[in-house]
Amino acid sequence: MDTLKHEVCLFFVLHLGITIFILTLLQGLGSVAAWLIQHCW
């Protein structure tokens, strides 16, 4: 039972981490794109 709970927690934390990483990456790409648009056009 304890092992299962640990696996579920690990799974949840991993997914949360990946989601935050992807959102941050997309936000960063959006910022770079906006900067390029402002400075190159």
N, C-alpha and C. Protein backbone atom coordinates (compact mmCIF):
# COMPACT_ATOMS: atom_id res chain seq x y z
N MET A 1 0.82 -1.20 0.00
CA MET A 1 0.00 0.00 0.00
C MET A 1 0.87 1.26 0.00
N ASP A 2 1.88 1.27 0.82
CA ASP A 2 2.76 2.43 0.93
C ASP A 2 3.54 2.66 -0.37
N THR A 3 3.94 1.54 -1.00
CA THR A 3 4.69 1.61 -2.26
C THR A 3 3.81 2.22 -3.36
N LEU A 4 2.55 1.81 -3.39
CA LEU A 4 1.60 2.33 -4.39
C LEU A 4 1.42 3.83 -4.23
N LYS A 5 1.25 4.27 -2.98
CA LYS A 5 1.08 5.69 -2.69
C LYS A 5 2.32 6.47 -3.15
N HIS A 6 3.48 5.89 -2.91
CA HIS A 6 4.75 6.51 -3.31
C HIS A 6 4.81 6.63 -4.83
N GLU A 7 4.41 5.60 -5.54
CA GLU A 7 4.43 5.61 -7.01
C GLU A 7 3.46 6.66 -7.56
N VAL A 8 2.28 6.75 -6.94
CA VAL A 8 1.29 7.74 -7.36
C VAL A 8 1.82 9.16 -7.14
N CYS A 9 2.44 9.39 -6.01
CA CYS A 9 3.03 10.70 -5.71
C CYS A 9 4.13 11.04 -6.72
N LEU A 10 4.99 10.08 -7.00
CA LEU A 10 6.08 10.26 -7.94
C LEU A 10 5.53 10.60 -9.32
N PHE A 11 4.51 9.85 -9.74
CA PHE A 11 3.85 10.05 -11.03
C PHE A 11 3.27 11.46 -11.12
N PHE A 12 2.57 11.87 -10.06
CA PHE A 12 1.93 13.18 -10.00
C PHE A 12 2.97 14.30 -10.06
N VAL A 13 4.02 14.18 -9.27
CA VAL A 13 5.09 15.18 -9.23
C VAL A 13 5.78 15.29 -10.59
N LEU A 14 6.03 14.13 -11.20
CA LEU A 14 6.68 14.09 -12.51
C LEU A 14 5.83 14.82 -13.55
N HIS A 15 4.54 14.51 -13.57
CA HIS A 15 3.63 15.15 -14.53
C HIS A 15 3.50 16.64 -14.28
N LEU A 16 3.44 17.02 -13.01
CA LEU A 16 3.35 18.43 -12.66
C LEU A 16 4.62 19.17 -13.13
N GLY A 17 5.76 18.55 -12.87
CA GLY A 17 7.04 19.12 -13.28
C GLY A 17 7.13 19.29 -14.79
N ILE A 18 6.70 18.26 -15.53
CA ILE A 18 6.74 18.31 -16.99
C ILE A 18 5.80 19.39 -17.51
N THR A 19 4.61 19.48 -16.91
CA THR A 19 3.63 20.49 -17.32
C THR A 19 4.18 21.90 -17.10
N ILE A 20 4.75 22.14 -15.94
CA ILE A 20 5.33 23.45 -15.62
C ILE A 20 6.48 23.77 -16.57
N PHE A 21 7.33 22.75 -16.84
CA PHE A 21 8.46 22.91 -17.76
C PHE A 21 7.97 23.31 -19.15
N ILE A 22 6.96 22.60 -19.67
CA ILE A 22 6.42 22.88 -21.00
C ILE A 22 5.80 24.28 -21.06
N LEU A 23 5.03 24.63 -20.02
CA LEU A 23 4.40 25.96 -19.97
C LEU A 23 5.45 27.07 -19.96
N THR A 24 6.50 26.86 -19.16
CA THR A 24 7.59 27.84 -19.08
C THR A 24 8.31 27.97 -20.42
N LEU A 25 8.53 26.81 -21.06
CA LEU A 25 9.19 26.77 -22.36
C LEU A 25 8.36 27.53 -23.40
N LEU A 26 7.05 27.27 -23.41
CA LEU A 26 6.16 27.94 -24.36
C LEU A 26 6.11 29.45 -24.10
N GLN A 27 6.09 29.82 -22.82
CA GLN A 27 6.08 31.24 -22.46
C GLN A 27 7.38 31.90 -22.93
N GLY A 28 8.49 31.18 -22.73
CA GLY A 28 9.79 31.68 -23.17
C GLY A 28 9.84 31.84 -24.68
N LEU A 29 9.32 30.86 -25.40
CA LEU A 29 9.30 30.93 -26.86
C LEU A 29 8.43 32.09 -27.33
N GLY A 30 7.31 32.29 -26.64
CA GLY A 30 6.42 33.41 -26.96
C GLY A 30 7.13 34.74 -26.77
N SER A 31 7.89 34.86 -25.69
CA SER A 31 8.63 36.09 -25.40
C SER A 31 9.69 36.34 -26.46
N VAL A 32 10.40 35.28 -26.86
CA VAL A 32 11.43 35.39 -27.90
C VAL A 32 10.79 35.80 -29.22
N ALA A 33 9.67 35.17 -29.56
CA ALA A 33 8.97 35.50 -30.80
C ALA A 33 8.51 36.96 -30.80
N ALA A 34 7.95 37.41 -29.66
CA ALA A 34 7.50 38.80 -29.54
C ALA A 34 8.67 39.77 -29.68
N TRP A 35 9.81 39.42 -29.08
CA TRP A 35 11.01 40.26 -29.16
C TRP A 35 11.51 40.35 -30.59
N LEU A 36 11.54 39.20 -31.28
CA LEU A 36 11.99 39.17 -32.67
C LEU A 36 11.07 40.00 -33.57
N ILE A 37 9.76 39.87 -33.34
CA ILE A 37 8.78 40.62 -34.13
C ILE A 37 8.96 42.13 -33.91
N GLN A 38 9.17 42.52 -32.65
CA GLN A 38 9.37 43.94 -32.33
C GLN A 38 10.65 44.50 -32.95
N HIS A 39 11.73 43.71 -32.94
CA HIS A 39 13.02 44.22 -33.38
C HIS A 39 13.32 44.00 -34.86
N CYS A 40 12.63 43.09 -35.51
CA CYS A 40 12.97 42.77 -36.89
C CYS A 40 11.94 43.28 -37.90
N TRP A 41 10.78 43.71 -37.39
CA TRP A 41 9.74 44.20 -38.31
C TRP A 41 9.31 45.61 -37.96
